[in-house]
PDB file of N, CA and C in Angstrom:
ATOM      1  N   CYS A   1      48.254 121.107 127.563  1.00  0.00           N
ATOM      2  CA  CYS A   1      48.570 119.790 128.083  1.00  0.00           C
ATOM      3  C   CYS A   1      47.343 118.875 127.928  1.00  0.00           C
ATOM      4  N   PHE A   2      47.593 117.675 127.480  1.00  0.00           N
ATOM      5  CA  PHE A   2      46.501 116.724 127.329  1.00  0.00           C
ATOM      6  C   PHE A   2      46.195 116.055 128.652  1.00  0.00           C
ATOM      7  N   THR A   3      44.942 116.058 129.009  1.00  0.00           N
ATOM      8  CA  THR A   3      44.521 115.330 130.195  1.00  0.00           C
ATOM      9  C   THR A   3      44.091 113.936 129.766  1.00  0.00           C
ATOM     10  N   ASN A   4      43.916 113.070 130.719  1.00  0.00           N
ATOM     11  CA  ASN A   4      43.486 111.708 130.451  1.00  0.00           C
ATOM     12  C   ASN A   4      42.139 111.715 129.729  1.00  0.00           C
ATOM     13  N   HIS A   5      41.258 112.634 130.122  1.00  0.00           N
ATOM     14  CA  HIS A   5      39.941 112.740 129.507  1.00  0.00           C
ATOM     15  C   HIS A   5      40.048 113.123 128.034  1.00  0.00           C
ATOM     16  N   LYS A   6      40.927 114.079 127.715  1.00  0.00           N
ATOM     17  CA  LYS A   6      41.103 114.505 126.332  1.00  0.00           C
ATOM     18  C   LYS A   6      41.697 113.393 125.473  1.00  0.00           C
ATOM     19  N   ILE A   7      42.640 112.666 126.029  1.00  0.00           N
ATOM     20  CA  ILE A   7      43.254 111.565 125.284  1.00  0.00           C
ATOM     21  C   ILE A   7      42.214 110.486 124.991  1.00  0.00           C
ATOM     22  N   LYS A   8      41.392 110.148 125.973  1.00  0.00           N
ATOM     23  CA  LYS A   8      40.344 109.152 125.752  1.00  0.00           C
ATOM     24  C   LYS A   8      39.349 109.626 124.701  1.00  0.00           C
ATOM     25  N   TYR A   9      39.027 110.916 124.726  1.00  0.00           N
ATOM     26  CA  TYR A   9      38.106 111.482 123.747  1.00  0.00           C
ATOM     27  C   TYR A   9      38.693 111.382 122.335  1.00  0.00           C
ATOM     28  N   ILE A  10      39.956 111.740 122.187  1.00  0.00           N
ATOM     29  CA  ILE A  10      40.616 111.677 120.884  1.00  0.00           C
ATOM     30  C   ILE A  10      40.699 110.229 120.398  1.00  0.00           C
ATOM     31  N   MET A  11      41.053 109.316 121.277  1.00  0.00           N
ATOM     32  CA  MET A  11      41.157 107.903 120.898  1.00  0.00           C
ATOM     33  C   MET A  11      39.794 107.346 120.487  1.00  0.00           C
ATOM     34  N   LYS A  12      38.739 107.755 121.172  1.00  0.00           N
ATOM     35  CA  LYS A  12      37.400 107.297 120.820  1.00  0.00           C
ATOM     36  C   LYS A  12      37.005 107.816 119.441  1.00  0.00           C
ATOM     37  N   LYS A  13      37.299 109.079 119.160  1.00  0.00           N
ATOM     38  CA  LYS A  13      36.986 109.655 117.848  1.00  0.00           C
ATOM     39  C   LYS A  13      37.780 108.951 116.742  1.00  0.00           C
ATOM     40  N   LEU A  14      39.058 108.687 116.994  1.00  0.00           N
ATOM     41  CA  LEU A  14      39.897 107.993 116.027  1.00  0.00           C
ATOM     42  C   LEU A  14      39.378 106.578 115.778  1.00  0.00           C
ATOM     43  N   ASN A  15      38.997 105.887 116.832  1.00  0.00           N
ATOM     44  CA  ASN A  15      38.451 104.538 116.702  1.00  0.00           C
ATOM     45  C   ASN A  15      37.151 104.553 115.899  1.00  0.00           C
ATOM     46  N   ASN A  16      36.296 105.534 116.145  1.00  0.00           N
ATOM     47  CA  ASN A  16      35.048 105.654 115.387  1.00  0.00           C
ATOM     48  C   ASN A  16      35.332 105.903 113.907  1.00  0.00           C
ATOM     49  N   LEU A  17      36.316 106.757 113.629  1.00  0.00           N
ATOM     50  CA  LEU A  17      36.690 107.040 112.239  1.00  0.00           C
ATOM     51  C   LEU A  17      37.188 105.774 111.550  1.00  0.00           C
ATOM     52  N   LEU A  18      38.056 105.022 112.217  1.00  0.00           N
ATOM     53  CA  LEU A  18      38.578 103.784 111.630  1.00  0.00           C
ATOM     54  C   LEU A  18      37.473 102.762 111.408  1.00  0.00           C
ATOM     55  N   ASN A  19      36.499 102.719 112.316  1.00  0.00           N
ATOM     56  CA  ASN A  19      35.379 101.798 112.136  1.00  0.00           C
ATOM     57  C   ASN A  19      34.521 102.198 110.940  1.00  0.00           C
ATOM     58  N   LYS A  20      34.354 103.494 110.714  1.00  0.00           N
ATOM     59  CA  LYS A  20      33.555 103.959 109.576  1.00  0.00           C
ATOM     60  C   LYS A  20      34.286 103.750 108.261  1.00  0.00           C
ATOM     61  N   VAL A  21      35.559 104.112 108.233  1.00  0.00           N
ATOM     62  CA  VAL A  21      36.343 104.053 107.001  1.00  0.00           C
ATOM     63  C   VAL A  21      36.805 102.634 106.707  1.00  0.00           C
ATOM     64  N   GLY A  22      37.201 101.923 107.710  1.00  0.00           N
ATOM     65  CA  GLY A  22      37.730 100.575 107.543  1.00  0.00           C
ATOM     66  C   GLY A  22      39.249 100.577 107.627  1.00  0.00           C
ATOM     67  N   MET A  23      39.781  99.573 108.273  1.00  0.00           N
ATOM     68  CA  MET A  23      41.219  99.489 108.471  1.00  0.00           C
ATOM     69  C   MET A  23      41.958  99.362 107.141  1.00  0.00           C
ATOM     70  N   ASP A  24      41.388  98.643 106.186  1.00  0.00           N
ATOM     71  CA  ASP A  24      42.048  98.460 104.892  1.00  0.00           C
ATOM     72  C   ASP A  24      42.275  99.801 104.203  1.00  0.00           C
ATOM     73  N   LYS A  25      41.280 100.640 104.168  1.00  0.00           N
ATOM     74  CA  LYS A  25      41.423 101.944 103.525  1.00  0.00           C
ATOM     75  C   LYS A  25      42.365 102.850 104.304  1.00  0.00           C
ATOM     76  N   ALA A  26      42.325 102.749 105.617  1.00  0.00           N
ATOM     77  CA  ALA A  26      43.247 103.537 106.443  1.00  0.00           C
ATOM     78  C   ALA A  26      44.692 103.129 106.163  1.00  0.00           C
ATOM     79  N   LEU A  27      44.930 101.846 105.969  1.00  0.00           N
ATOM     80  CA  LEU A  27      46.282 101.372 105.651  1.00  0.00           C
ATOM     81  C   LEU A  27      46.710 101.811 104.254  1.00  0.00           C
ATOM     82  N   HIS A  28      45.798 101.772 103.296  1.00  0.00           N
ATOM     83  CA  HIS A  28      46.116 102.275 101.951  1.00  0.00           C
ATOM     84  C   HIS A  28      46.505 103.748 102.023  1.00  0.00           C
ATOM     85  N   PHE A  29      45.729 104.526 102.747  1.00  0.00           N
ATOM     86  CA  PHE A  29      45.982 105.960 102.921  1.00  0.00           C
ATOM     87  C   PHE A  29      47.350 106.185 103.565  1.00  0.00           C
ATOM     88  N   ALA A  30      47.596 105.470 104.666  1.00  0.00           N
ATOM     89  CA  ALA A  30      48.834 105.661 105.424  1.00  0.00           C
ATOM     90  C   ALA A  30      50.062 105.229 104.629  1.00  0.00           C
ATOM     91  N   PHE A  31      50.000 104.060 103.991  1.00  0.00           N
ATOM     92  CA  PHE A  31      51.162 103.590 103.244  1.00  0.00           C
ATOM     93  C   PHE A  31      51.495 104.511 102.082  1.00  0.00           C
ATOM     94  N   ALA A  32      50.484 104.913 101.325  1.00  0.00           N
ATOM     95  CA  ALA A  32      50.730 105.776 100.163  1.00  0.00           C
ATOM     96  C   ALA A  32      51.303 107.117 100.605  1.00  0.00           C
ATOM     97  N   GLY A  33      50.749 107.670 101.673  1.00  0.00           N
ATOM     98  CA  GLY A  33      51.281 108.929 102.197  1.00  0.00           C
ATOM     99  C   GLY A  33      52.707 108.771 102.684  1.00  0.00           C
ATOM    100  N   TRP A  34      52.971 107.652 103.349  1.00  0.00           N
ATOM    101  CA  TRP A  34      54.331 107.391 103.842  1.00  0.00           C
ATOM    102  C   TRP A  34      55.302 107.245 102.672  1.00  0.00           C
ATOM    103  N   ALA A  35      54.898 106.516 101.634  1.00  0.00           N
ATOM    104  CA  ALA A  35      55.790 106.280 100.495  1.00  0.00           C
ATOM    105  C   ALA A  35      56.187 107.595  99.834  1.00  0.00           C
ATOM    106  N   VAL A  36      55.229 108.476  99.648  1.00  0.00           N
ATOM    107  CA  VAL A  36      55.532 109.772  99.030  1.00  0.00           C
ATOM    108  C   VAL A  36      56.381 110.620  99.974  1.00  0.00           C
ATOM    109  N   SER A  37      56.055 110.601 101.250  1.00  0.00           N
ATOM    110  CA  SER A  37      56.811 111.389 102.228  1.00  0.00           C
ATOM    111  C   SER A  37      58.230 110.880 102.410  1.00  0.00           C
ATOM    112  N   ALA A  38      58.434 109.586 102.268  1.00  0.00           N
ATOM    113  CA  ALA A  38      59.746 108.985 102.503  1.00  0.00           C
ATOM    114  C   ALA A  38      60.811 109.520 101.553  1.00  0.00           C
ATOM    115  N   VAL A  39      60.401 109.931 100.362  1.00  0.00           N
ATOM    116  CA  VAL A  39      61.377 110.438  99.395  1.00  0.00           C
ATOM    117  C   VAL A  39      61.436 111.963  99.387  1.00  0.00           C
ATOM    118  N   SER A  40      60.754 112.614 100.304  1.00  0.00           N
ATOM    119  CA  SER A  40      60.732 114.085 100.330  1.00  0.00           C
ATOM    120  C   SER A  40      62.119 114.720 100.462  1.00  0.00           C
ATOM    121  N   PRO A  41      63.092 114.087 101.146  1.00  0.00           N
ATOM    122  CA  PRO A  41      64.426 114.706 101.177  1.00  0.00           C
ATOM    123  C   PRO A  41      65.067 114.838  99.795  1.00  0.00           C
ATOM    124  N   PHE A  42      64.569 114.070  98.829  1.00  0.00           N
ATOM    125  CA  PHE A  42      65.126 114.116  97.480  1.00  0.00           C
ATOM    126  C   PHE A  42      64.398 115.110  96.573  1.00  0.00           C
ATOM    127  N   GLY A  43      63.395 115.790  97.117  1.00  0.00           N
ATOM    128  CA  GLY A  43      62.728 116.853  96.383  1.00  0.00           C
ATOM    129  C   GLY A  43      61.403 116.469  95.760  1.00  0.00           C
ATOM    130  N   ILE A  44      60.788 117.472  95.189  1.00  0.00           N
ATOM    131  CA  ILE A  44      59.448 117.320  94.631  1.00  0.00           C
ATOM    132  C   ILE A  44      59.431 116.401  93.417  1.00  0.00           C
ATOM    133  N   THR A  45      60.519 116.349  92.657  1.00  0.00           N
ATOM    134  CA  THR A  45      60.568 115.461  91.487  1.00  0.00           C
ATOM    135  C   THR A  45      60.506 113.999  91.921  1.00  0.00           C
ATOM    136  N   ALA A  46      61.259 113.656  92.943  1.00  0.00           N
ATOM    137  CA  ALA A  46      61.227 112.281  93.479  1.00  0.00           C
ATOM    138  C   ALA A  46      59.843 111.964  94.029  1.00  0.00           C
ATOM    139  N   MET A  47      59.243 112.933  94.686  1.00  0.00           N
ATOM    140  CA  MET A  47      57.901 112.721  95.228  1.00  0.00           C
ATOM    141  C   MET A  47      56.895 112.495  94.104  1.00  0.00           C
ATOM    142  N   ALA A  48      57.023 113.234  93.023  1.00  0.00           N
ATOM    143  CA  ALA A  48      56.114 113.071  91.884  1.00  0.00           C
ATOM    144  C   ALA A  48      56.271 111.693  91.246  1.00  0.00           C
ATOM    145  N   ILE A  49      57.513 111.224  91.136  1.00  0.00           N
ATOM    146  CA  ILE A  49      57.764 109.898  90.556  1.00  0.00           C
ATOM    147  C   ILE A  49      57.140 108.818  91.433  1.00  0.00           C
ATOM    148  N   VAL A  50      57.365 108.902  92.744  1.00  0.00           N
ATOM    149  CA  VAL A  50      56.794 107.916  93.664  1.00  0.00           C
ATOM    150  C   VAL A  50      55.273 108.019  93.670  1.00  0.00           C
ATOM    151  N   PHE A  51      54.753 109.236  93.584  1.00  0.00           N
ATOM    152  CA  PHE A  51      53.301 109.454  93.512  1.00  0.00           C
ATOM    153  C   PHE A  51      52.706 108.651  92.360  1.00  0.00           C
ATOM    154  N   ILE A  52      53.302 108.788  91.191  1.00  0.00           N
ATOM    155  CA  ILE A  52      52.797 108.084  90.008  1.00  0.00           C
ATOM    156  C   ILE A  52      52.961 106.575  90.156  1.00  0.00           C
ATOM    157  N   LEU A  53      54.119 106.137  90.653  1.00  0.00           N
ATOM    158  CA  LEU A  53      54.360 104.698  90.830  1.00  0.00           C
ATOM    159  C   LEU A  53      53.384 104.071  91.821  1.00  0.00           C
ATOM    160  N   VAL A  54      53.161 104.735  92.941  1.00  0.00           N
ATOM    161  CA  VAL A  54      52.242 104.195  93.947  1.00  0.00           C
ATOM    162  C   VAL A  54      50.822 104.142  93.396  1.00  0.00           C
ATOM    163  N   PHE A  55      50.434 105.161  92.647  1.00  0.00           N
ATOM    164  CA  PHE A  55      49.100 105.157  92.050  1.00  0.00           C
ATOM    165  C   PHE A  55      48.939 103.986  91.076  1.00  0.00           C
ATOM    166  N   ILE A  56      49.932 103.798  90.210  1.00  0.00           N
ATOM    167  CA  ILE A  56      49.879 102.694  89.241  1.00  0.00           C
ATOM    168  C   ILE A  56      49.868 101.352  89.965  1.00  0.00           C
ATOM    169  N   LEU A  57      50.717 101.202  90.983  1.00  0.00           N
ATOM    170  CA  LEU A  57      50.747  99.948  91.744  1.00  0.00           C
ATOM    171  C   LEU A  57      49.440  99.693  92.484  1.00  0.00           C
ATOM    172  N   SER A  58      48.791 100.753  92.945  1.00  0.00           N
ATOM    173  CA  SER A  58      47.499 100.594  93.617  1.00  0.00           C
ATOM    174  C   SER A  58      46.451 100.043  92.655  1.00  0.00           C
ATOM    175  N   VAL A  59      46.441 100.576  91.450  1.00  0.00           N
ATOM    176  CA  VAL A  59      45.481 100.101  90.447  1.00  0.00           C
ATOM    177  C   VAL A  59      45.785  98.653  90.073  1.00  0.00           C
ATOM    178  N   ILE A  60      47.066  98.343  89.846  1.00  0.00           N
ATOM    179  CA  ILE A  60      47.451  96.971  89.491  1.00  0.00           C
ATOM    180  C   ILE A  60      47.083  96.007  90.616  1.00  0.00           C
ATOM    181  N   LYS A  61      47.354  96.397  91.838  1.00  0.00           N
ATOM    182  CA  LYS A  61      47.021  95.541  92.983  1.00  0.00           C
ATOM    183  C   LYS A  61      45.531  95.244  93.035  1.00  0.00           C
ATOM    184  N   GLU A  62      44.725  96.265  92.840  1.00  0.00           N
ATOM    185  CA  GLU A  62      43.281  96.060  92.911  1.00  0.00           C
ATOM    186  C   GLU A  62      42.771  95.211  91.745  1.00  0.00           C
ATOM    187  N   ARG A  63      43.309  95.409  90.569  1.00  0.00           N
ATOM    188  CA  ARG A  63      42.816  94.682  89.388  1.00  0.00           C
ATOM    189  C   ARG A  63      43.341  93.256  89.313  1.00  0.00           C
ATOM    190  N   CYS A  64      44.583  93.043  89.728  1.00  0.00           N
ATOM    191  CA  CYS A  64      45.220  91.746  89.484  1.00  0.00           C
ATOM    192  C   CYS A  64      45.371  90.865  90.721  1.00  0.00           C
ATOM    193  N   LEU A  65      45.550  91.447  91.880  1.00  0.00           N
ATOM    194  CA  LEU A  65      45.869  90.645  93.056  1.00  0.00           C
ATOM    195  C   LEU A  65      44.690  90.380  93.981  1.00  0.00           C
ATOM    196  N   ASP A  66      43.705  91.253  93.972  1.00  0.00           N
ATOM    197  CA  ASP A  66      42.563  91.076  94.856  1.00  0.00           C
ATOM    198  C   ASP A  66      41.458  90.297  94.158  1.00  0.00           C
ATOM    199  N   ASP A  67      40.717  89.528  94.952  1.00  0.00           N
ATOM    200  CA  ASP A  67      39.579  88.795  94.392  1.00  0.00           C
ATOM    201  C   ASP A  67      38.493  89.748  93.928  1.00  0.00           C
ATOM    202  N   TYR A  68      38.329  90.836  94.673  1.00  0.00           N
ATOM    203  CA  TYR A  68      37.328  91.846  94.346  1.00  0.00           C
ATOM    204  C   TYR A  68      38.028  93.191  94.230  1.00  0.00           C
ATOM    205  N   ALA A  69      37.926  93.824  93.073  1.00  0.00           N
ATOM    206  CA  ALA A  69      38.591  95.111  92.844  1.00  0.00           C
ATOM    207  C   ALA A  69      37.785  96.214  93.524  1.00  0.00           C
ATOM    208  N   ASP A  70      38.305  96.712  94.629  1.00  0.00           N
ATOM    209  CA  ASP A  70      37.661  97.793  95.376  1.00  0.00           C
ATOM    210  C   ASP A  70      38.433  99.079  95.099  1.00  0.00           C
ATOM    211  N   PHE A  71      37.929  99.853  94.152  1.00  0.00           N
ATOM    212  CA  PHE A  71      38.670 101.039  93.740  1.00  0.00           C
ATOM    213  C   PHE A  71      38.590 102.172  94.750  1.00  0.00           C
ATOM    214  N   SER A  72      37.795 101.987  95.802  1.00  0.00           N
ATOM    215  CA  SER A  72      37.854 102.972  96.886  1.00  0.00           C
ATOM    216  C   SER A  72      39.186 102.846  97.624  1.00  0.00           C
ATOM    217  N   ASP A  73      39.838 101.691  97.530  1.00  0.00           N
ATOM    218  CA  ASP A  73      41.195 101.545  98.073  1.00  0.00           C
ATOM    219  C   ASP A  73      42.180 102.398  97.279  1.00  0.00           C
ATOM    220  N   VAL A  74      41.998 102.464  95.964  1.00  0.00           N
ATOM    221  CA  VAL A  74      42.842 103.307  95.120  1.00  0.00           C
ATOM    222  C   VAL A  74      42.621 104.769  95.483  1.00  0.00           C
ATOM    223  N   VAL A  75      41.375 105.136  95.719  1.00  0.00           N
ATOM    224  CA  VAL A  75      41.062 106.513  96.123  1.00  0.00           C
ATOM    225  C   VAL A  75      41.724 106.830  97.463  1.00  0.00           C
ATOM    226  N   ALA A  76      41.686 105.886  98.396  1.00  0.00           N
ATOM    227  CA  ALA A  76      42.324 106.097  99.706  1.00  0.00           C
ATOM    228  C   ALA A  76      43.830 106.295  99.537  1.00  0.00           C
ATOM    229  N   SER A  77      44.447 105.501  98.674  1.00  0.00           N
ATOM    230  CA  SER A  77      45.880 105.666  98.405  1.00  0.00           C
ATOM    231  C   SER A  77      46.159 107.033  97.797  1.00  0.00           C
ATOM    232  N   PHE A  78      45.344 107.415  96.833  1.00  0.00           N
ATOM    233  CA  PHE A  78      45.503 108.701  96.166  1.00  0.00           C
ATOM    234  C   PHE A  78      45.375 109.852  97.167  1.00  0.00           C
ATOM    235  N   LEU A  79      44.403 109.761  98.056  1.00  0.00           N
ATOM    236  CA  LEU A  79      44.229 110.815  99.057  1.00  0.00           C
ATOM    237  C   LEU A  79      45.425 110.883 100.007  1.00  0.00           C
ATOM    238  N   GLY A  80      45.985 109.731 100.364  1.00  0.00           N
ATOM    239  CA  GLY A  80      47.184 109.718 101.199  1.00  0.00           C
ATOM    240  C   GLY A  80      48.346 110.408 100.513  1.00  0.00           C
ATOM    241  N   GLU A  81      48.476 110.180  99.219  1.00  0.00           N
ATOM    242  CA  GLU A  81      49.537 110.831  98.446  1.00  0.00           C
ATOM    243  C   GLU A  81      49.320 112.343  98.386  1.00  0.00           C
ATOM    244  N   ILE A  82      48.075 112.741  98.171  1.00  0.00           N
ATOM    245  CA  ILE A  82      47.755 114.170  98.090  1.00  0.00           C
ATOM    246  C   ILE A  82      48.068 114.862  99.411  1.00  0.00           C
ATOM    247  N   VAL A  83      47.691 114.240 100.518  1.00  0.00           N
ATOM    248  CA  VAL A  83      47.973 114.828 101.833  1.00  0.00           C
ATOM    249  C   VAL A  83      49.474 114.985 102.037  1.00  0.00           C
ATOM    250  N   ALA A  84      50.251 113.984 101.654  1.00  0.00           N
ATOM    251  CA  ALA A  84      51.711 114.077 101.782  1.00  0.00           C
ATOM    252  C   ALA A  84      52.252 115.257 100.988  1.00  0.00           C
ATOM    253  N   LEU A  85      51.762 115.434  99.768  1.00  0.00           N
ATOM    254  CA  LEU A  85      52.215 116.562  98.955  1.00  0.00           C
ATOM    255  C   LEU A  85      51.758 117.895  99.547  1.00  0.00           C
ATOM    256  N   LEU A  86      50.528 117.942 100.026  1.00  0.00           N
ATOM    257  CA  LEU A  86      50.008 119.188 100.598  1.00  0.00           C
ATOM    258  C   LEU A  86      50.739 119.578 101.884  1.00  0.00           C
ATOM    259  N   LEU A  87      51.277 118.604 102.589  1.00  0.00           N
ATOM    260  CA  LEU A  87      52.082 118.913 103.777  1.00  0.00           C
ATOM    261  C   LEU A  87      53.506 119.318 103.393  1.00  0.00           C
ATOM    262  N   TYR A  88      54.013 118.743 102.318  1.00  0.00           N
ATOM    263  CA  TYR A  88      55.392 119.027 101.896  1.00  0.00           C
ATOM    264  C   TYR A  88      55.532 120.420 101.280  1.00  0.00           C
ATOM    265  N   ILE A  89      54.634 120.782 100.397  1.00  0.00           N
ATOM    266  CA  ILE A  89      54.778 122.018  99.627  1.00  0.00           C
ATOM    267  C   ILE A  89      54.866 123.251 100.525  1.00  0.00           C
ATOM    268  N   PRO A  90      53.945 123.460 101.481  1.00  0.00           N
ATOM    269  CA  PRO A  90      54.102 124.652 102.344  1.00  0.00           C
ATOM    270  C   PRO A  90      55.370 124.586 103.195  1.00  0.00           C
ATOM    271  N   ALA A  91      55.717 123.401 103.673  1.00  0.00           N
ATOM    272  CA  ALA A  91      56.921 123.270 104.491  1.00  0.00           C
ATOM    273  C   ALA A  91      58.149 123.618 103.657  1.00  0.00           C
ATOM    274  N   ASP A  92      58.179 123.179 102.418  1.00  0.00           N
ATOM    275  CA  ASP A  92      59.295 123.493 101.536  1.00  0.00           C
ATOM    276  C   ASP A  92      59.382 124.991 101.262  1.00  0.00           C
ATOM    277  N   LEU A  93      58.251 125.619 101.063  1.00  0.00           N
ATOM    278  CA  LEU A  93      58.236 127.066 100.819  1.00  0.00           C
ATOM    279  C   LEU A  93      58.698 127.851 102.046  1.00  0.00           C
ATOM    280  N   ILE A  94      58.315 127.388 103.224  1.00  0.00           N
ATOM    281  CA  ILE A  94      58.699 128.087 104.457  1.00  0.00           C
ATOM    282  C   ILE A  94      60.183 127.900 104.751  1.00  0.00           C
ATOM    283  N   LEU A  95      60.670 126.682 104.549  1.00  0.00           N
ATOM    284  CA  LEU A  95      62.057 126.374 104.927  1.00  0.00           C
ATOM    285  C   LEU A  95      63.083 126.795 103.890  1.00  0.00           C
ATOM    286  N   ASN A  96      62.658 127.027 102.666  1.00  0.00           N
ATOM    287  CA  ASN A  96      63.627 127.398 101.621  1.00  0.00           C
ATOM    288  C   ASN A  96      63.440 128.789 101.143  1.00  0.00           C
TER     289      ASN A  96
END
């Protein structure tokens, strides 16, 4: 059971992480992971297609839409996608 003290400790650690990483990169990570995870009911092929599309869109966004191309945002998106796949694969193996 989480006590109030433990919750405050976890929230403080999360806040420190977001301050170090930056909200922009955290959003890139979260959105890319969500996009890949959202198609998981359709299988690994759908996830692979979305993985590639999100990666390409991340690069295009950084090169064409932003004033300054920060490719660490692309890395954050890529890591979010990888985490989504790494969570899906063992779950798929266990459940099927």
